[in-house]
Amino acid sequence: RLPALDVAARAEIRQAFDRYAAKLLHPPLVSLRSESRAGVPHGLLDALKRLFDLKD
């Protein structure tokens, strides 16, 4: 890790990564929610399972 960083700098870096992860995951999650409201989201759900190597 980076021992030279103070607590505030570490918190800033963590917050930046959290925001990036949220931004990255937002579109697929919105699509999944939208498809689930419209019916059975099998196609997108299967794609997400393959993409993130998720098990049933």
N, C-alpha and C. Protein backbone atom coordinates (compact mmCIF):
# COMPACT_ATOMS: atom_id res chain seq x y z
N ARG A 1 0.85 -1.17 0.00
CA ARG A 1 0.00 0.00 0.00
C ARG A 1 0.89 1.23 0.00
N LEU A 2 0.35 2.35 0.28
CA LEU A 2 1.14 3.58 0.25
C LEU A 2 1.26 4.16 1.65
N PRO A 3 2.28 3.75 2.40
CA PRO A 3 2.40 4.18 3.80
C PRO A 3 2.66 5.67 3.97
N ALA A 4 3.16 6.33 2.92
CA ALA A 4 3.47 7.75 3.04
C ALA A 4 2.23 8.63 2.99
N LEU A 5 1.11 8.08 2.57
CA LEU A 5 -0.12 8.88 2.48
C LEU A 5 -0.77 9.03 3.84
N ASP A 6 -1.29 10.22 4.09
CA ASP A 6 -2.01 10.42 5.35
C ASP A 6 -3.45 9.91 5.21
N VAL A 7 -4.16 9.93 6.30
CA VAL A 7 -5.52 9.39 6.33
C VAL A 7 -6.44 10.13 5.35
N ALA A 8 -6.31 11.43 5.26
CA ALA A 8 -7.17 12.21 4.36
C ALA A 8 -6.91 11.85 2.90
N ALA A 9 -5.65 11.68 2.53
CA ALA A 9 -5.31 11.31 1.15
C ALA A 9 -5.83 9.92 0.82
N ARG A 10 -5.71 9.00 1.76
CA ARG A 10 -6.23 7.64 1.54
C ARG A 10 -7.75 7.67 1.37
N ALA A 11 -8.42 8.48 2.18
CA ALA A 11 -9.88 8.59 2.08
C ALA A 11 -10.28 9.18 0.73
N GLU A 12 -9.52 10.15 0.25
CA GLU A 12 -9.80 10.75 -1.06
C GLU A 12 -9.64 9.73 -2.18
N ILE A 13 -8.58 8.95 -2.11
CA ILE A 13 -8.33 7.92 -3.13
C ILE A 13 -9.44 6.87 -3.08
N ARG A 14 -9.82 6.44 -1.90
CA ARG A 14 -10.89 5.44 -1.77
C ARG A 14 -12.19 5.99 -2.34
N GLN A 15 -12.50 7.25 -2.05
CA GLN A 15 -13.72 7.86 -2.55
C GLN A 15 -13.70 7.95 -4.08
N ALA A 16 -12.55 8.27 -4.65
CA ALA A 16 -12.42 8.34 -6.10
C ALA A 16 -12.67 6.97 -6.73
N PHE A 17 -12.10 5.93 -6.16
CA PHE A 17 -12.32 4.58 -6.68
C PHE A 17 -13.77 4.13 -6.51
N ASP A 18 -14.38 4.48 -5.38
CA ASP A 18 -15.79 4.14 -5.16
C ASP A 18 -16.68 4.82 -6.19
N ARG A 19 -16.39 6.09 -6.48
CA ARG A 19 -17.16 6.81 -7.50
C ARG A 19 -16.97 6.20 -8.87
N TYR A 20 -15.75 5.81 -9.19
CA TYR A 20 -15.47 5.19 -10.48
C TYR A 20 -16.21 3.87 -10.61
N ALA A 21 -16.19 3.07 -9.56
CA ALA A 21 -16.89 1.78 -9.59
C ALA A 21 -18.39 1.99 -9.76
N ALA A 22 -18.95 2.97 -9.06
CA ALA A 22 -20.38 3.25 -9.19
C ALA A 22 -20.71 3.71 -10.60
N LYS A 23 -19.85 4.53 -11.18
CA LYS A 23 -20.07 5.01 -12.55
C LYS A 23 -19.98 3.85 -13.54
N LEU A 24 -19.06 2.95 -13.31
CA LEU A 24 -18.88 1.80 -14.19
C LEU A 24 -20.07 0.84 -14.12
N LEU A 25 -20.60 0.64 -12.93
CA LEU A 25 -21.68 -0.32 -12.74
C LEU A 25 -23.07 0.25 -12.98
N HIS A 26 -23.20 1.56 -13.02
CA HIS A 26 -24.52 2.18 -13.15
C HIS A 26 -25.28 1.75 -14.41
N PRO A 27 -24.70 1.86 -15.61
CA PRO A 27 -25.47 1.49 -16.82
C PRO A 27 -25.99 0.04 -16.83
N PRO A 28 -25.16 -0.96 -16.49
CA PRO A 28 -25.72 -2.31 -16.51
C PRO A 28 -26.79 -2.52 -15.44
N LEU A 29 -26.65 -1.87 -14.29
CA LEU A 29 -27.67 -2.03 -13.26
C LEU A 29 -28.98 -1.38 -13.67
N VAL A 30 -28.90 -0.22 -14.32
CA VAL A 30 -30.11 0.44 -14.82
C VAL A 30 -30.80 -0.44 -15.86
N SER A 31 -30.01 -1.02 -16.76
CA SER A 31 -30.58 -1.91 -17.78
C SER A 31 -31.23 -3.13 -17.15
N LEU A 32 -30.58 -3.70 -16.16
CA LEU A 32 -31.13 -4.88 -15.49
C LEU A 32 -32.45 -4.54 -14.80
N ARG A 33 -32.50 -3.41 -14.12
CA ARG A 33 -33.74 -2.99 -13.46
C ARG A 33 -34.85 -2.75 -14.48
N SER A 34 -34.49 -2.09 -15.57
CA SER A 34 -35.47 -1.80 -16.62
C SER A 34 -36.03 -3.08 -17.22
N GLU A 35 -35.15 -4.03 -17.54
CA GLU A 35 -35.61 -5.30 -18.11
C GLU A 35 -36.43 -6.09 -17.11
N SER A 36 -36.09 -6.02 -15.84
CA SER A 36 -36.85 -6.79 -14.85
C SER A 36 -38.26 -6.23 -14.69
N ARG A 37 -38.42 -4.92 -14.88
CA ARG A 37 -39.76 -4.33 -14.81
C ARG A 37 -40.59 -4.70 -16.04
N ALA A 38 -39.91 -4.88 -17.17
CA ALA A 38 -40.60 -5.17 -18.43
C ALA A 38 -40.93 -6.66 -18.57
N GLY A 39 -40.32 -7.49 -17.80
CA GLY A 39 -40.55 -8.93 -17.91
C GLY A 39 -39.40 -9.69 -17.29
N VAL A 40 -39.10 -10.83 -17.86
CA VAL A 40 -38.03 -11.68 -17.33
C VAL A 40 -36.70 -11.28 -17.97
N PRO A 41 -35.71 -10.88 -17.18
CA PRO A 41 -34.44 -10.36 -17.72
C PRO A 41 -33.39 -11.44 -17.98
N HIS A 42 -33.80 -12.57 -18.55
CA HIS A 42 -32.86 -13.68 -18.70
C HIS A 42 -31.62 -13.31 -19.52
N GLY A 43 -31.80 -12.64 -20.65
CA GLY A 43 -30.66 -12.33 -21.52
C GLY A 43 -29.61 -11.48 -20.83
N LEU A 44 -30.04 -10.38 -20.25
CA LEU A 44 -29.09 -9.48 -19.58
C LEU A 44 -28.53 -10.11 -18.32
N LEU A 45 -29.36 -10.82 -17.60
CA LEU A 45 -28.90 -11.48 -16.38
C LEU A 45 -27.83 -12.51 -16.70
N ASP A 46 -28.03 -13.28 -17.75
CA ASP A 46 -27.01 -14.26 -18.17
C ASP A 46 -25.72 -13.57 -18.58
N ALA A 47 -25.83 -12.45 -19.28
CA ALA A 47 -24.63 -11.70 -19.69
C ALA A 47 -23.87 -11.18 -18.48
N LEU A 48 -24.59 -10.66 -17.48
CA LEU A 48 -23.92 -10.17 -16.27
C LEU A 48 -23.25 -11.30 -15.50
N LYS A 49 -23.88 -12.45 -15.46
CA LYS A 49 -23.28 -13.60 -14.78
C LYS A 49 -21.97 -13.99 -15.45
N ARG A 50 -21.97 -14.00 -16.79
CA ARG A 50 -20.74 -14.34 -17.51
C ARG A 50 -19.69 -13.25 -17.33
N LEU A 51 -20.11 -12.00 -17.41
CA LEU A 51 -19.17 -10.88 -17.31
C LEU A 51 -18.46 -10.85 -15.96
N PHE A 52 -19.21 -11.09 -14.88
CA PHE A 52 -18.64 -11.00 -13.54
C PHE A 52 -18.36 -12.37 -12.93
N ASP A 53 -18.43 -13.43 -13.73
CA ASP A 53 -18.15 -14.79 -13.29
C ASP A 53 -18.95 -15.14 -12.03
N LEU A 54 -20.27 -14.87 -12.10
CA LEU A 54 -21.16 -15.14 -10.97
C LEU A 54 -21.76 -16.52 -11.10
N LYS A 55 -21.95 -17.17 -9.99
CA LYS A 55 -22.57 -18.49 -9.96
C LYS A 55 -24.02 -18.34 -9.51
N ASP A 56 -24.85 -19.32 -9.84
CA ASP A 56 -26.26 -19.28 -9.43
C ASP A 56 -26.42 -19.43 -7.96
